[in-house]
PDB file of N, CA and C in Angstrom:
ATOM      1  N   MET A   1      99.436 185.324-100.081  1.00  0.00           N
ATOM      2  CA  MET A   1      98.713 185.173 -98.848  1.00  0.00           C
ATOM      3  C   MET A   1      99.601 184.260 -97.928  1.00  0.00           C
ATOM      4  N   PRO A   2      99.827 184.753 -96.688  1.00  0.00           N
ATOM      5  CA  PRO A   2     100.662 183.874 -95.803  1.00  0.00           C
ATOM      6  C   PRO A   2     100.143 182.515 -95.481  1.00  0.00           C
ATOM      7  N   ARG A   3     101.018 181.646 -95.400  1.00  0.00           N
ATOM      8  CA  ARG A   3     100.631 180.314 -95.133  1.00  0.00           C
ATOM      9  C   ARG A   3     100.636 180.022 -93.594  1.00  0.00           C
ATOM     10  N   PRO A   4      99.842 179.175 -93.055  1.00  0.00           N
ATOM     11  CA  PRO A   4      99.929 178.887 -91.705  1.00  0.00           C
ATOM     12  C   PRO A   4     101.339 178.341 -91.177  1.00  0.00           C
ATOM     13  N   ALA A   5     101.651 178.721 -89.936  1.00  0.00           N
ATOM     14  CA  ALA A   5     102.911 178.221 -89.475  1.00  0.00           C
ATOM     15  C   ALA A   5     102.929 176.693 -89.394  1.00  0.00           C
ATOM     16  N   ARG A   6     103.922 176.091 -89.653  1.00  0.00           N
ATOM     17  CA  ARG A   6     104.130 174.606 -89.597  1.00  0.00           C
ATOM     18  C   ARG A   6     105.013 174.269 -88.462  1.00  0.00           C
ATOM     19  N   ILE A   7     104.652 173.197 -87.762  1.00  0.00           N
ATOM     20  CA  ILE A   7     105.495 172.758 -86.671  1.00  0.00           C
ATOM     21  C   ILE A   7     106.136 171.451 -87.043  1.00  0.00           C
ATOM     22  N   ASP A   8     107.371 171.413 -86.849  1.00  0.00           N
ATOM     23  CA  ASP A   8     108.199 170.185 -86.939  1.00  0.00           C
ATOM     24  C   ASP A   8     107.949 169.357 -85.764  1.00  0.00           C
ATOM     25  N   VAL A   9     107.189 168.374 -85.776  1.00  0.00           N
ATOM     26  CA  VAL A   9     106.790 167.652 -84.484  1.00  0.00           C
ATOM     27  C   VAL A   9     107.998 166.908 -83.957  1.00  0.00           C
ATOM     28  N   ASP A  10     108.884 166.401 -84.645  1.00  0.00           N
ATOM     29  CA  ASP A  10     110.071 165.686 -84.082  1.00  0.00           C
ATOM     30  C   ASP A  10     110.952 166.720 -83.371  1.00  0.00           C
ATOM     31  N   THR A  11     111.151 167.820 -83.978  1.00  0.00           N
ATOM     32  CA  THR A  11     112.067 168.869 -83.363  1.00  0.00           C
ATOM     33  C   THR A  11     111.356 169.285 -82.037  1.00  0.00           C
ATOM     34  N   ALA A  12     110.164 169.616 -82.038  1.00  0.00           N
ATOM     35  CA  ALA A  12     109.408 170.079 -80.924  1.00  0.00           C
ATOM     36  C   ALA A  12     109.370 169.121 -79.798  1.00  0.00           C
ATOM     37  N   PHE A  13     109.191 167.871 -80.153  1.00  0.00           N
ATOM     38  CA  PHE A  13     109.212 166.807 -79.135  1.00  0.00           C
ATOM     39  C   PHE A  13     110.571 166.753 -78.512  1.00  0.00           C
ATOM     40  N   ALA A  14     111.636 166.579 -79.244  1.00  0.00           N
ATOM     41  CA  ALA A  14     112.934 166.481 -78.918  1.00  0.00           C
ATOM     42  C   ALA A  14     113.422 167.583 -78.032  1.00  0.00           C
ATOM     43  N   SER A  15     112.915 168.851 -78.235  1.00  0.00           N
ATOM     44  CA  SER A  15     113.314 169.976 -77.485  1.00  0.00           C
ATOM     45  C   SER A  15     112.530 170.165 -76.191  1.00  0.00           C
ATOM     46  N   GLY A  16     111.437 169.383 -76.064  1.00  0.00           N
ATOM     47  CA  GLY A  16     110.642 169.524 -74.842  1.00  0.00           C
ATOM     48  C   GLY A  16     109.475 170.468 -75.014  1.00  0.00           C
ATOM     49  N   ALA A  17     109.312 171.153 -76.248  1.00  0.00           N
ATOM     50  CA  ALA A  17     108.331 172.049 -76.453  1.00  0.00           C
ATOM     51  C   ALA A  17     107.002 171.276 -76.696  1.00  0.00           C
ATOM     52  N   LEU A  18     106.989 170.121 -77.127  1.00  0.00           N
ATOM     53  CA  LEU A  18     105.855 169.253 -77.321  1.00  0.00           C
ATOM     54  C   LEU A  18     105.942 168.104 -76.382  1.00  0.00           C
ATOM     55  N   VAL A  19     104.864 167.961 -75.541  1.00  0.00           N
ATOM     56  CA  VAL A  19     104.796 166.868 -74.525  1.00  0.00           C
ATOM     57  C   VAL A  19     103.531 166.121 -74.729  1.00  0.00           C
ATOM     58  N   VAL A  20     103.767 164.827 -74.791  1.00  0.00           N
ATOM     59  CA  VAL A  20     102.581 163.986 -74.976  1.00  0.00           C
ATOM     60  C   VAL A  20     102.801 162.739 -74.002  1.00  0.00           C
ATOM     61  N   GLY A  21     101.733 162.119 -73.533  1.00  0.00           N
ATOM     62  CA  GLY A  21     101.802 160.839 -72.746  1.00  0.00           C
ATOM     63  C   GLY A  21     100.695 160.739 -71.745  1.00  0.00           C
ATOM     64  N   SER A  22     100.877 159.827 -70.956  1.00  0.00           N
ATOM     65  CA  SER A  22      99.929 159.544 -69.966  1.00  0.00           C
ATOM     66  C   SER A  22      99.702 160.789 -68.911  1.00  0.00           C
ATOM     67  N   PRO A  23      98.736 160.727 -68.114  1.00  0.00           N
ATOM     68  CA  PRO A  23      98.640 161.833 -67.088  1.00  0.00           C
ATOM     69  C   PRO A  23      99.871 161.812 -66.196  1.00  0.00           C
ATOM     70  N   ALA A  24     100.321 160.707 -65.785  1.00  0.00           N
ATOM     71  CA  ALA A  24     101.439 160.709 -64.990  1.00  0.00           C
ATOM     72  C   ALA A  24     102.747 161.347 -65.718  1.00  0.00           C
ATOM     73  N   THR A  25     102.902 161.046 -67.006  1.00  0.00           N
ATOM     74  CA  THR A  25     104.067 161.622 -67.773  1.00  0.00           C
ATOM     75  C   THR A  25     103.824 163.172 -67.780  1.00  0.00           C
ATOM     76  N   ILE A  26     102.674 163.633 -67.987  1.00  0.00           N
ATOM     77  CA  ILE A  26     102.410 165.122 -68.084  1.00  0.00           C
ATOM     78  C   ILE A  26     102.531 165.728 -66.637  1.00  0.00           C
ATOM     79  N   ARG A  27     102.071 164.996 -65.672  1.00  0.00           N
ATOM     80  CA  ARG A  27     102.208 165.648 -64.324  1.00  0.00           C
ATOM     81  C   ARG A  27     103.666 165.730 -63.945  1.00  0.00           C
ATOM     82  N   GLU A  28     104.538 164.720 -64.298  1.00  0.00           N
ATOM     83  CA  GLU A  28     105.894 164.873 -63.930  1.00  0.00           C
ATOM     84  C   GLU A  28     106.469 165.983 -64.735  1.00  0.00           C
ATOM     85  N   TYR A  29     106.149 166.099 -65.942  1.00  0.00           N
ATOM     86  CA  TYR A  29     106.716 167.216 -66.754  1.00  0.00           C
ATOM     87  C   TYR A  29     106.370 168.549 -66.158  1.00  0.00           C
ATOM     88  N   LEU A  30     105.074 168.669 -65.761  1.00  0.00           N
ATOM     89  CA  LEU A  30     104.618 169.995 -65.227  1.00  0.00           C
ATOM     90  C   LEU A  30     105.336 170.325 -63.937  1.00  0.00           C
ATOM     91  N   GLN A  31     105.472 169.375 -63.062  1.00  0.00           N
ATOM     92  CA  GLN A  31     106.203 169.591 -61.858  1.00  0.00           C
ATOM     93  C   GLN A  31     107.677 169.985 -62.095  1.00  0.00           C
ATOM     94  N   ARG A  32     108.338 169.185 -63.050  1.00  0.00           N
ATOM     95  CA  ARG A  32     109.740 169.616 -63.338  1.00  0.00           C
ATOM     96  C   ARG A  32     109.802 171.034 -63.964  1.00  0.00           C
ATOM     97  N   TYR A  33     108.930 171.319 -64.845  1.00  0.00           N
ATOM     98  CA  TYR A  33     108.919 172.562 -65.504  1.00  0.00           C
ATOM     99  C   TYR A  33     108.675 173.771 -64.665  1.00  0.00           C
ATOM    100  N   ALA A  34     107.806 173.500 -63.716  1.00  0.00           N
ATOM    101  CA  ALA A  34     107.467 174.605 -62.691  1.00  0.00           C
ATOM    102  C   ALA A  34     108.597 174.883 -61.773  1.00  0.00           C
ATOM    103  N   ALA A  35     109.232 173.694 -61.342  1.00  0.00           N
ATOM    104  CA  ALA A  35     110.404 173.849 -60.452  1.00  0.00           C
ATOM    105  C   ALA A  35     111.592 174.469 -61.089  1.00  0.00           C
ATOM    106  N   GLU A  36     111.871 174.139 -62.430  1.00  0.00           N
ATOM    107  CA  GLU A  36     113.010 174.548 -63.074  1.00  0.00           C
ATOM    108  C   GLU A  36     112.917 175.917 -63.612  1.00  0.00           C
ATOM    109  N   THR A  37     111.705 176.437 -63.895  1.00  0.00           N
ATOM    110  CA  THR A  37     111.497 177.670 -64.528  1.00  0.00           C
ATOM    111  C   THR A  37     110.787 178.784 -63.671  1.00  0.00           C
ATOM    112  N   GLY A  38     110.145 178.403 -62.635  1.00  0.00           N
ATOM    113  CA  GLY A  38     109.325 179.318 -61.788  1.00  0.00           C
ATOM    114  C   GLY A  38     108.139 179.779 -62.570  1.00  0.00           C
ATOM    115  N   ALA A  39     107.776 179.175 -63.654  1.00  0.00           N
ATOM    116  CA  ALA A  39     106.718 179.635 -64.513  1.00  0.00           C
ATOM    117  C   ALA A  39     105.365 179.335 -63.617  1.00  0.00           C
ATOM    118  N   ASN A  40     104.404 180.369 -63.839  1.00  0.00           N
ATOM    119  CA  ASN A  40     103.170 180.192 -63.098  1.00  0.00           C
ATOM    120  C   ASN A  40     101.985 180.123 -64.119  1.00  0.00           C
ATOM    121  N   TYR A  41     102.262 179.697 -65.238  1.00  0.00           N
ATOM    122  CA  TYR A  41     101.162 179.471 -66.300  1.00  0.00           C
ATOM    123  C   TYR A  41     101.663 178.354 -67.268  1.00  0.00           C
ATOM    124  N   PHE A  42     100.649 177.779 -68.038  1.00  0.00           N
ATOM    125  CA  PHE A  42     100.893 176.698 -68.887  1.00  0.00           C
ATOM    126  C   PHE A  42      99.901 176.955 -69.993  1.00  0.00           C
ATOM    127  N   VAL A  43     100.290 176.817 -71.233  1.00  0.00           N
ATOM    128  CA  VAL A  43      99.373 176.887 -72.519  1.00  0.00           C
ATOM    129  C   VAL A  43      99.434 175.570 -73.083  1.00  0.00           C
ATOM    130  N   GLY A  44      98.277 174.940 -73.094  1.00  0.00           N
ATOM    131  CA  GLY A  44      98.133 173.605 -73.665  1.00  0.00           C
ATOM    132  C   GLY A  44      97.167 173.622 -74.833  1.00  0.00           C
ATOM    133  N   SER A  45      97.385 172.586 -75.618  1.00  0.00           N
ATOM    134  CA  SER A  45      96.593 172.302 -76.781  1.00  0.00           C
ATOM    135  C   SER A  45      96.118 170.902 -76.750  1.00  0.00           C
ATOM    136  N   PHE A  46      94.837 170.640 -76.879  1.00  0.00           N
ATOM    137  CA  PHE A  46      94.463 169.208 -76.613  1.00  0.00           C
ATOM    138  C   PHE A  46      93.707 168.652 -77.866  1.00  0.00           C
ATOM    139  N   HIS A  47      93.660 169.302 -78.880  1.00  0.00           N
ATOM    140  CA  HIS A  47      92.896 168.856 -80.110  1.00  0.00           C
ATOM    141  C   HIS A  47      93.931 168.839 -81.302  1.00  0.00           C
ATOM    142  N   TRP A  48      94.557 167.734 -81.422  1.00  0.00           N
ATOM    143  CA  TRP A  48      95.679 167.550 -82.483  1.00  0.00           C
ATOM    144  C   TRP A  48      95.283 166.329 -83.292  1.00  0.00           C
ATOM    145  N   GLY A  49      95.928 166.438 -84.484  1.00  0.00           N
ATOM    146  CA  GLY A  49      96.034 165.374 -85.526  1.00  0.00           C
ATOM    147  C   GLY A  49      94.568 164.851 -85.826  1.00  0.00           C
ATOM    148  N   ASP A  50      94.314 163.585 -85.595  1.00  0.00           N
ATOM    149  CA  ASP A  50      93.046 162.936 -85.971  1.00  0.00           C
ATOM    150  C   ASP A  50      92.184 162.706 -84.842  1.00  0.00           C
ATOM    151  N   LEU A  51      92.396 163.423 -83.700  1.00  0.00           N
ATOM    152  CA  LEU A  51      91.595 163.249 -82.432  1.00  0.00           C
ATOM    153  C   LEU A  51      90.229 163.847 -82.797  1.00  0.00           C
ATOM    154  N   ASN A  52      89.157 163.039 -82.386  1.00  0.00           N
ATOM    155  CA  ASN A  52      87.837 163.642 -82.572  1.00  0.00           C
ATOM    156  C   ASN A  52      87.481 164.581 -81.326  1.00  0.00           C
ATOM    157  N   HIS A  53      86.379 165.213 -81.336  1.00  0.00           N
ATOM    158  CA  HIS A  53      86.013 166.129 -80.258  1.00  0.00           C
ATOM    159  C   HIS A  53      86.035 165.535 -78.935  1.00  0.00           C
ATOM    160  N   GLN A  54      85.312 164.318 -78.858  1.00  0.00           N
ATOM    161  CA  GLN A  54      85.292 163.495 -77.596  1.00  0.00           C
ATOM    162  C   GLN A  54      86.676 163.034 -77.112  1.00  0.00           C
ATOM    163  N   GLU A  55      87.539 162.722 -77.933  1.00  0.00           N
ATOM    164  CA  GLU A  55      88.830 162.373 -77.475  1.00  0.00           C
ATOM    165  C   GLU A  55      89.593 163.714 -76.992  1.00  0.00           C
ATOM    166  N   ALA A  56      89.557 164.681 -77.629  1.00  0.00           N
ATOM    167  CA  ALA A  56      90.138 165.912 -77.257  1.00  0.00           C
ATOM    168  C   ALA A  56      89.593 166.368 -75.870  1.00  0.00           C
ATOM    169  N   CYS A  57      88.305 166.171 -75.692  1.00  0.00           N
ATOM    170  CA  CYS A  57      87.694 166.566 -74.327  1.00  0.00           C
ATOM    171  C   CYS A  57      88.099 165.683 -73.318  1.00  0.00           C
ATOM    172  N   ARG A  58      88.325 164.327 -73.623  1.00  0.00           N
ATOM    173  CA  ARG A  58      88.793 163.396 -72.627  1.00  0.00           C
ATOM    174  C   ARG A  58      90.308 163.718 -72.235  1.00  0.00           C
ATOM    175  N   SER A  59      91.022 164.197 -73.151  1.00  0.00           N
ATOM    176  CA  SER A  59      92.405 164.502 -72.817  1.00  0.00           C
ATOM    177  C   SER A  59      92.412 165.721 -71.794  1.00  0.00           C
ATOM    178  N   LEU A  60      91.611 166.763 -72.154  1.00  0.00           N
ATOM    179  CA  LEU A  60      91.512 167.822 -71.356  1.00  0.00           C
ATOM    180  C   LEU A  60      91.077 167.557 -69.945  1.00  0.00           C
ATOM    181  N   GLU A  61      90.024 166.643 -69.864  1.00  0.00           N
ATOM    182  CA  GLU A  61      89.485 166.222 -68.609  1.00  0.00           C
ATOM    183  C   GLU A  61      90.629 165.582 -67.775  1.00  0.00           C
ATOM    184  N   LEU A  62      91.367 164.664 -68.306  1.00  0.00           N
ATOM    185  CA  LEU A  62      92.504 163.903 -67.664  1.00  0.00           C
ATOM    186  C   LEU A  62      93.487 164.962 -67.195  1.00  0.00           C
ATOM    187  N   PHE A  63      93.830 165.935 -68.141  1.00  0.00           N
ATOM    188  CA  PHE A  63      94.742 166.951 -67.776  1.00  0.00           C
ATOM    189  C   PHE A  63      94.401 167.591 -66.503  1.00  0.00           C
ATOM    190  N   ALA A  64      93.057 168.119 -66.449  1.00  0.00           N
ATOM    191  CA  ALA A  64      92.584 168.941 -65.405  1.00  0.00           C
ATOM    192  C   ALA A  64      92.384 168.093 -64.022  1.00  0.00           C
ATOM    193  N   SER A  65      92.031 166.742 -64.126  1.00  0.00           N
ATOM    194  CA  SER A  65      91.871 166.082 -62.944  1.00  0.00           C
ATOM    195  C   SER A  65      93.069 165.355 -62.562  1.00  0.00           C
ATOM    196  N   ALA A  66      94.002 164.980 -63.362  1.00  0.00           N
ATOM    197  CA  ALA A  66      95.067 164.059 -62.967  1.00  0.00           C
ATOM    198  C   ALA A  66      96.538 164.723 -63.012  1.00  0.00           C
ATOM    199  N   ALA A  67      96.674 165.738 -63.804  1.00  0.00           N
ATOM    200  CA  ALA A  67      97.979 166.368 -63.933  1.00  0.00           C
ATOM    201  C   ALA A  67      97.987 167.742 -63.230  1.00  0.00           C
ATOM    202  N   MET A  68      97.125 168.569 -63.492  1.00  0.00           N
ATOM    203  CA  MET A  68      97.192 170.040 -62.933  1.00  0.00           C
ATOM    204  C   MET A  68      97.138 169.979 -61.496  1.00  0.00           C
ATOM    205  N   PRO A  69      96.352 169.239 -60.744  1.00  0.00           N
ATOM    206  CA  PRO A  69      96.332 169.346 -59.230  1.00  0.00           C
ATOM    207  C   PRO A  69      97.726 169.019 -58.556  1.00  0.00           C
ATOM    208  N   ALA A  70      98.505 168.411 -59.244  1.00  0.00           N
ATOM    209  CA  ALA A  70      99.946 168.156 -58.725  1.00  0.00           C
ATOM    210  C   ALA A  70     100.880 169.303 -58.792  1.00  0.00           C
ATOM    211  N   VAL A  71     100.454 170.258 -59.536  1.00  0.00           N
ATOM    212  CA  VAL A  71     101.468 171.304 -59.713  1.00  0.00           C
ATOM    213  C   VAL A  71     101.303 172.414 -58.571  1.00  0.00           C
ATOM    214  N   PRO A  72     102.415 172.755 -58.067  1.00  0.00           N
ATOM    215  CA  PRO A  72     102.336 173.670 -56.812  1.00  0.00           C
ATOM    216  C   PRO A  72     101.817 175.204 -57.246  1.00  0.00           C
TER     217      PRO A  72
END
């Protein structure tokens, strides 16, 4: 039976494939990413590690209210 894919968090973080931080950090990343790549979409995951449902929902709310509006 195939095993689920495993992510090397350190490698993903170092390469920029994994971004974590405050709304300002994420906002700056998104602005830079959009400008450098011309991408018009973003796929995010907000329920990681030991976050409970309320914490994950709060992360998503912060993303939607404080990070996404700054992206052109």
